[in-house]
Amino acid sequence: MRKPGLGIWFGALLLALVLGTYAFDWLAVPVIAAAFAWIRRDDASVPLLASVAGAASWMALLVWQSMTGSVTEVARVVGEAMQVGGGPLLGLTIAFPALLAGAAAGLVRGVRQG
């Protein structure tokens, strides 16, 4: 039986991060990424893959939310309150899960190899 390719793993991780974030909030991101790194412990690209999937998952959630609500208005108001503006706030929103997922996966990978 042939092993699933990297694209299948990425899609599964992306879906797990979207559903986990939707169901359990942002705390699910490092937990899911750590579990993914544990499963794929022999793959050196796991931290990078987890980071990209983390960013993509929250981008997908933002796109979905923008179809049902006003993400731009919320970003503008919150961005002004934080004195960063709406655009940078959305960028930080996407960077946050990328850093969480990559750090968790890198930590698990480092511990497993150490």
N, C-alpha and C. Protein backbone atom coordinates (compact mmCIF):
# COMPACT_ATOMS: atom_id res chain seq x y z
N MET A 1 0.84 -1.18 0.00
CA MET A 1 0.00 0.00 0.00
C MET A 1 0.88 1.24 0.00
N ARG A 2 0.53 2.19 -0.81
CA ARG A 2 1.31 3.40 -0.96
C ARG A 2 0.98 4.41 0.15
N LYS A 3 2.01 5.09 0.67
CA LYS A 3 1.83 6.08 1.73
C LYS A 3 1.23 7.36 1.14
N PRO A 4 0.41 8.08 1.94
CA PRO A 4 -0.16 9.33 1.44
C PRO A 4 0.95 10.36 1.20
N GLY A 5 0.77 11.17 0.15
CA GLY A 5 1.74 12.18 -0.19
C GLY A 5 1.66 13.38 0.74
N LEU A 6 2.61 14.28 0.58
CA LEU A 6 2.69 15.47 1.41
C LEU A 6 1.45 16.35 1.27
N GLY A 7 0.88 16.40 0.07
CA GLY A 7 -0.34 17.19 -0.15
C GLY A 7 -1.52 16.68 0.66
N ILE A 8 -1.63 15.37 0.78
CA ILE A 8 -2.70 14.78 1.60
C ILE A 8 -2.50 15.14 3.06
N TRP A 9 -1.26 15.04 3.54
CA TRP A 9 -0.96 15.40 4.93
C TRP A 9 -1.26 16.88 5.18
N PHE A 10 -0.88 17.73 4.22
CA PHE A 10 -1.14 19.16 4.36
C PHE A 10 -2.64 19.43 4.43
N GLY A 11 -3.39 18.81 3.54
CA GLY A 11 -4.85 18.99 3.53
C GLY A 11 -5.49 18.52 4.82
N ALA A 12 -5.02 17.39 5.33
CA ALA A 12 -5.56 16.87 6.59
C ALA A 12 -5.24 17.80 7.75
N LEU A 13 -4.00 18.30 7.78
CA LEU A 13 -3.61 19.23 8.84
C LEU A 13 -4.39 20.53 8.73
N LEU A 14 -4.55 21.04 7.54
CA LEU A 14 -5.32 22.26 7.32
C LEU A 14 -6.75 22.10 7.81
N LEU A 15 -7.38 21.02 7.44
CA LEU A 15 -8.76 20.76 7.88
C LEU A 15 -8.83 20.61 9.39
N ALA A 16 -7.88 19.89 9.98
CA ALA A 16 -7.87 19.72 11.43
C ALA A 16 -7.69 21.05 12.15
N LEU A 17 -6.84 21.92 11.61
CA LEU A 17 -6.63 23.23 12.23
C LEU A 17 -7.87 24.12 12.10
N VAL A 18 -8.53 24.08 10.96
CA VAL A 18 -9.76 24.86 10.79
C VAL A 18 -10.82 24.38 11.76
N LEU A 19 -11.08 23.09 11.78
CA LEU A 19 -12.11 22.54 12.65
C LEU A 19 -11.75 22.69 14.13
N GLY A 20 -10.48 22.48 14.46
CA GLY A 20 -10.04 22.63 15.83
C GLY A 20 -10.16 24.07 16.33
N THR A 21 -9.79 25.02 15.49
CA THR A 21 -9.92 26.43 15.86
C THR A 21 -11.38 26.80 16.01
N TYR A 22 -12.20 26.34 15.09
CA TYR A 22 -13.64 26.65 15.14
C TYR A 22 -14.28 26.07 16.40
N ALA A 23 -13.89 24.86 16.77
CA ALA A 23 -14.51 24.18 17.90
C ALA A 23 -13.90 24.56 19.25
N PHE A 24 -12.58 24.73 19.30
CA PHE A 24 -11.90 24.88 20.58
C PHE A 24 -11.09 26.17 20.73
N ASP A 25 -11.17 27.07 19.76
CA ASP A 25 -10.47 28.35 19.82
C ASP A 25 -9.00 28.16 19.45
N TRP A 26 -8.21 29.19 19.65
CA TRP A 26 -6.83 29.19 19.19
C TRP A 26 -5.95 28.18 19.90
N LEU A 27 -6.32 27.73 21.07
CA LEU A 27 -5.50 26.76 21.81
C LEU A 27 -5.37 25.42 21.07
N ALA A 28 -6.28 25.16 20.16
CA ALA A 28 -6.21 23.91 19.40
C ALA A 28 -5.04 23.90 18.43
N VAL A 29 -4.59 25.08 18.00
CA VAL A 29 -3.53 25.14 16.98
C VAL A 29 -2.24 24.47 17.44
N PRO A 30 -1.65 24.84 18.58
CA PRO A 30 -0.41 24.16 18.95
C PRO A 30 -0.61 22.68 19.31
N VAL A 31 -1.76 22.34 19.84
CA VAL A 31 -2.03 20.94 20.20
C VAL A 31 -2.10 20.08 18.94
N ILE A 32 -2.82 20.55 17.94
CA ILE A 32 -2.94 19.79 16.68
C ILE A 32 -1.60 19.73 15.97
N ALA A 33 -0.86 20.84 15.94
CA ALA A 33 0.45 20.85 15.28
C ALA A 33 1.43 19.91 15.99
N ALA A 34 1.37 19.88 17.32
CA ALA A 34 2.24 18.97 18.07
C ALA A 34 1.89 17.51 17.77
N ALA A 35 0.60 17.21 17.71
CA ALA A 35 0.18 15.84 17.37
C ALA A 35 0.62 15.47 15.96
N PHE A 36 0.52 16.42 15.04
CA PHE A 36 0.96 16.19 13.67
C PHE A 36 2.46 15.90 13.63
N ALA A 37 3.24 16.67 14.40
CA ALA A 37 4.69 16.46 14.43
C ALA A 37 5.03 15.11 15.05
N TRP A 38 4.23 14.68 16.02
CA TRP A 38 4.46 13.37 16.64
C TRP A 38 4.21 12.26 15.62
N ILE A 39 3.15 12.41 14.83
CA ILE A 39 2.81 11.40 13.82
C ILE A 39 3.85 11.38 12.71
N ARG A 40 4.27 12.56 12.26
CA ARG A 40 5.22 12.67 11.14
C ARG A 40 6.64 12.95 11.65
N ARG A 41 7.06 12.27 12.69
CA ARG A 41 8.33 12.57 13.36
C ARG A 41 9.56 12.37 12.48
N ASP A 42 9.47 11.62 11.41
CA ASP A 42 10.62 11.38 10.55
C ASP A 42 10.72 12.39 9.41
N ASP A 43 9.79 13.31 9.33
CA ASP A 43 9.75 14.29 8.23
C ASP A 43 10.33 15.62 8.71
N ALA A 44 11.42 16.05 8.10
CA ALA A 44 12.09 17.30 8.50
C ALA A 44 11.28 18.54 8.16
N SER A 45 10.33 18.43 7.25
CA SER A 45 9.57 19.61 6.83
C SER A 45 8.35 19.88 7.70
N VAL A 46 8.16 19.13 8.76
CA VAL A 46 6.96 19.26 9.60
C VAL A 46 6.77 20.67 10.17
N PRO A 47 7.78 21.32 10.77
CA PRO A 47 7.54 22.66 11.30
C PRO A 47 7.12 23.67 10.23
N LEU A 48 7.76 23.61 9.08
CA LEU A 48 7.38 24.51 7.98
C LEU A 48 5.98 24.21 7.49
N LEU A 49 5.68 22.94 7.31
CA LEU A 49 4.35 22.54 6.86
C LEU A 49 3.28 22.96 7.86
N ALA A 50 3.56 22.81 9.14
CA ALA A 50 2.61 23.22 10.17
C ALA A 50 2.41 24.73 10.16
N SER A 51 3.48 25.49 9.97
CA SER A 51 3.36 26.95 9.91
C SER A 51 2.49 27.40 8.75
N VAL A 52 2.74 26.84 7.58
CA VAL A 52 1.97 27.22 6.39
C VAL A 52 0.50 26.80 6.56
N ALA A 53 0.28 25.61 7.10
CA ALA A 53 -1.10 25.16 7.33
C ALA A 53 -1.80 26.02 8.37
N GLY A 54 -1.07 26.46 9.39
CA GLY A 54 -1.65 27.34 10.40
C GLY A 54 -2.11 28.65 9.80
N ALA A 55 -1.25 29.27 9.00
CA ALA A 55 -1.62 30.53 8.35
C ALA A 55 -2.77 30.31 7.38
N ALA A 56 -2.71 29.25 6.58
CA ALA A 56 -3.76 28.99 5.60
C ALA A 56 -5.10 28.68 6.27
N SER A 57 -5.05 28.00 7.40
CA SER A 57 -6.30 27.66 8.08
C SER A 57 -7.00 28.91 8.59
N TRP A 58 -6.25 29.84 9.15
CA TRP A 58 -6.89 31.07 9.66
C TRP A 58 -7.28 31.99 8.51
N MET A 59 -6.55 31.94 7.39
CA MET A 59 -6.99 32.69 6.21
C MET A 59 -8.33 32.14 5.73
N ALA A 60 -8.46 30.83 5.72
CA ALA A 60 -9.73 30.21 5.31
C ALA A 60 -10.85 30.61 6.26
N LEU A 61 -10.57 30.64 7.56
CA LEU A 61 -11.59 31.07 8.52
C LEU A 61 -11.97 32.54 8.32
N LEU A 62 -10.99 33.38 8.01
CA LEU A 62 -11.28 34.79 7.75
C LEU A 62 -12.11 34.97 6.48
N VAL A 63 -11.79 34.21 5.44
CA VAL A 63 -12.57 34.29 4.20
C VAL A 63 -13.99 33.83 4.46
N TRP A 64 -14.13 32.73 5.19
CA TRP A 64 -15.47 32.23 5.51
C TRP A 64 -16.25 33.25 6.32
N GLN A 65 -15.59 33.83 7.32
CA GLN A 65 -16.25 34.84 8.16
C GLN A 65 -16.61 36.08 7.34
N SER A 66 -15.79 36.44 6.38
CA SER A 66 -16.09 37.62 5.58
C SER A 66 -17.31 37.40 4.69
N MET A 67 -17.62 36.15 4.40
CA MET A 67 -18.83 35.86 3.62
C MET A 67 -20.09 35.97 4.47
N THR A 68 -19.93 35.78 5.78
CA THR A 68 -21.10 35.81 6.66
C THR A 68 -21.15 37.06 7.54
N GLY A 69 -20.07 37.80 7.61
CA GLY A 69 -20.03 38.98 8.45
C GLY A 69 -19.08 40.02 7.88
N SER A 70 -18.76 41.00 8.66
CA SER A 70 -17.91 42.09 8.20
C SER A 70 -16.54 42.03 8.87
N VAL A 71 -15.64 41.26 8.31
CA VAL A 71 -14.28 41.15 8.84
C VAL A 71 -13.55 42.48 8.67
N THR A 72 -13.75 43.14 7.56
CA THR A 72 -13.02 44.39 7.31
C THR A 72 -13.40 45.47 8.31
N GLU A 73 -14.66 45.57 8.66
CA GLU A 73 -15.09 46.57 9.63
C GLU A 73 -14.52 46.26 11.01
N VAL A 74 -14.57 45.02 11.41
CA VAL A 74 -14.00 44.63 12.71
C VAL A 74 -12.49 44.89 12.71
N ALA A 75 -11.81 44.53 11.63
CA ALA A 75 -10.37 44.76 11.55
C ALA A 75 -10.05 46.25 11.63
N ARG A 76 -10.86 47.06 11.00
CA ARG A 76 -10.64 48.50 11.04
C ARG A 76 -10.80 49.04 12.46
N VAL A 77 -11.89 48.67 13.11
CA VAL A 77 -12.16 49.18 14.46
C VAL A 77 -11.13 48.68 15.46
N VAL A 78 -10.85 47.39 15.45
CA VAL A 78 -9.88 46.83 16.40
C VAL A 78 -8.48 47.33 16.07
N GLY A 79 -8.15 47.41 14.79
CA GLY A 79 -6.84 47.91 14.38
C GLY A 79 -6.61 49.34 14.83
N GLU A 80 -7.64 50.17 14.72
CA GLU A 80 -7.52 51.55 15.20
C GLU A 80 -7.37 51.59 16.72
N ALA A 81 -8.10 50.73 17.41
CA ALA A 81 -8.00 50.69 18.87
C ALA A 81 -6.60 50.25 19.31
N MET A 82 -5.99 49.35 18.55
CA MET A 82 -4.64 48.88 18.87
C MET A 82 -3.57 49.77 18.25
N GLN A 83 -3.99 50.75 17.49
CA GLN A 83 -3.11 51.71 16.82
C GLN A 83 -2.17 51.05 15.82
N VAL A 84 -2.68 50.03 15.10
CA VAL A 84 -1.88 49.40 14.04
C VAL A 84 -2.58 49.46 12.69
N GLY A 85 -3.87 49.73 12.65
CA GLY A 85 -4.60 49.73 11.39
C GLY A 85 -5.18 48.36 11.09
N GLY A 86 -6.14 48.32 10.16
CA GLY A 86 -6.83 47.08 9.83
C GLY A 86 -5.98 46.08 9.08
N GLY A 87 -5.21 46.54 8.09
CA GLY A 87 -4.38 45.63 7.30
C GLY A 87 -3.33 44.92 8.12
N PRO A 88 -2.52 45.67 8.88
CA PRO A 88 -1.54 44.98 9.72
C PRO A 88 -2.17 44.04 10.74
N LEU A 89 -3.34 44.40 11.25
CA LEU A 89 -4.01 43.52 12.20
C LEU A 89 -4.36 42.18 11.55
N LEU A 90 -4.86 42.23 10.31
CA LEU A 90 -5.15 40.97 9.60
C LEU A 90 -3.87 40.17 9.36
N GLY A 91 -2.78 40.87 9.04
CA GLY A 91 -1.49 40.18 8.87
C GLY A 91 -1.02 39.52 10.15
N LEU A 92 -1.17 40.22 11.27
CA LEU A 92 -0.81 39.63 12.56
C LEU A 92 -1.72 38.45 12.91
N THR A 93 -2.97 38.56 12.52
CA THR A 93 -3.93 37.47 12.77
C THR A 93 -3.52 36.21 12.02
N ILE A 94 -2.97 36.36 10.85
CA ILE A 94 -2.53 35.20 10.06
C ILE A 94 -1.16 34.70 10.55
N ALA A 95 -0.31 35.61 11.01
CA ALA A 95 1.01 35.21 11.49
C ALA A 95 0.93 34.45 12.81
N PHE A 96 -0.04 34.78 13.65
CA PHE A 96 -0.16 34.15 14.97
C PHE A 96 -0.27 32.63 14.89
N PRO A 97 -1.21 32.05 14.13
CA PRO A 97 -1.28 30.59 14.09
C PRO A 97 -0.08 29.96 13.39
N ALA A 98 0.52 30.70 12.45
CA ALA A 98 1.71 30.16 11.79
C ALA A 98 2.84 29.99 12.80
N LEU A 99 3.03 30.99 13.65
CA LEU A 99 4.06 30.89 14.68
C LEU A 99 3.73 29.84 15.73
N LEU A 100 2.48 29.79 16.14
CA LEU A 100 2.07 28.77 17.13
C LEU A 100 2.31 27.36 16.59
N ALA A 101 1.82 27.09 15.40
CA ALA A 101 1.91 25.75 14.82
C ALA A 101 3.36 25.36 14.55
N GLY A 102 4.12 26.28 13.96
CA GLY A 102 5.52 25.98 13.67
C GLY A 102 6.35 25.74 14.92
N ALA A 103 6.11 26.56 15.96
CA ALA A 103 6.85 26.39 17.21
C ALA A 103 6.49 25.08 17.90
N ALA A 104 5.22 24.74 17.94
CA ALA A 104 4.81 23.49 18.58
C ALA A 104 5.37 22.28 17.84
N ALA A 105 5.29 22.31 16.51
CA ALA A 105 5.81 21.20 15.72
C ALA A 105 7.33 21.10 15.85
N GLY A 106 8.02 22.23 15.86
CA GLY A 106 9.46 22.23 16.02
C GLY A 106 9.88 21.72 17.39
N LEU A 107 9.14 22.10 18.41
CA LEU A 107 9.43 21.63 19.76
C LEU A 107 9.28 20.12 19.87
N VAL A 108 8.19 19.60 19.37
CA VAL A 108 7.97 18.15 19.42
C VAL A 108 9.02 17.41 18.61
N ARG A 109 9.35 17.95 17.44
CA ARG A 109 10.36 17.33 16.62
C ARG A 109 11.71 17.32 17.32
N GLY A 110 12.06 18.43 17.97
CA GLY A 110 13.33 18.50 18.69
C GLY A 110 13.38 17.56 19.87
N VAL A 111 12.29 17.46 20.60
CA VAL A 111 12.24 16.56 21.76
C VAL A 111 12.32 15.11 21.30
N ARG A 112 11.64 14.78 20.23
CA ARG A 112 11.65 13.40 19.72
C ARG A 112 13.02 12.98 19.22
N GLN A 113 13.79 13.93 18.68
CA GLN A 113 15.11 13.59 18.15
C GLN A 113 16.17 13.61 19.24
N GLY A 114 15.94 14.42 20.28
CA GLY A 114 16.94 14.61 21.35
C GLY A 114 17.06 13.41 22.20
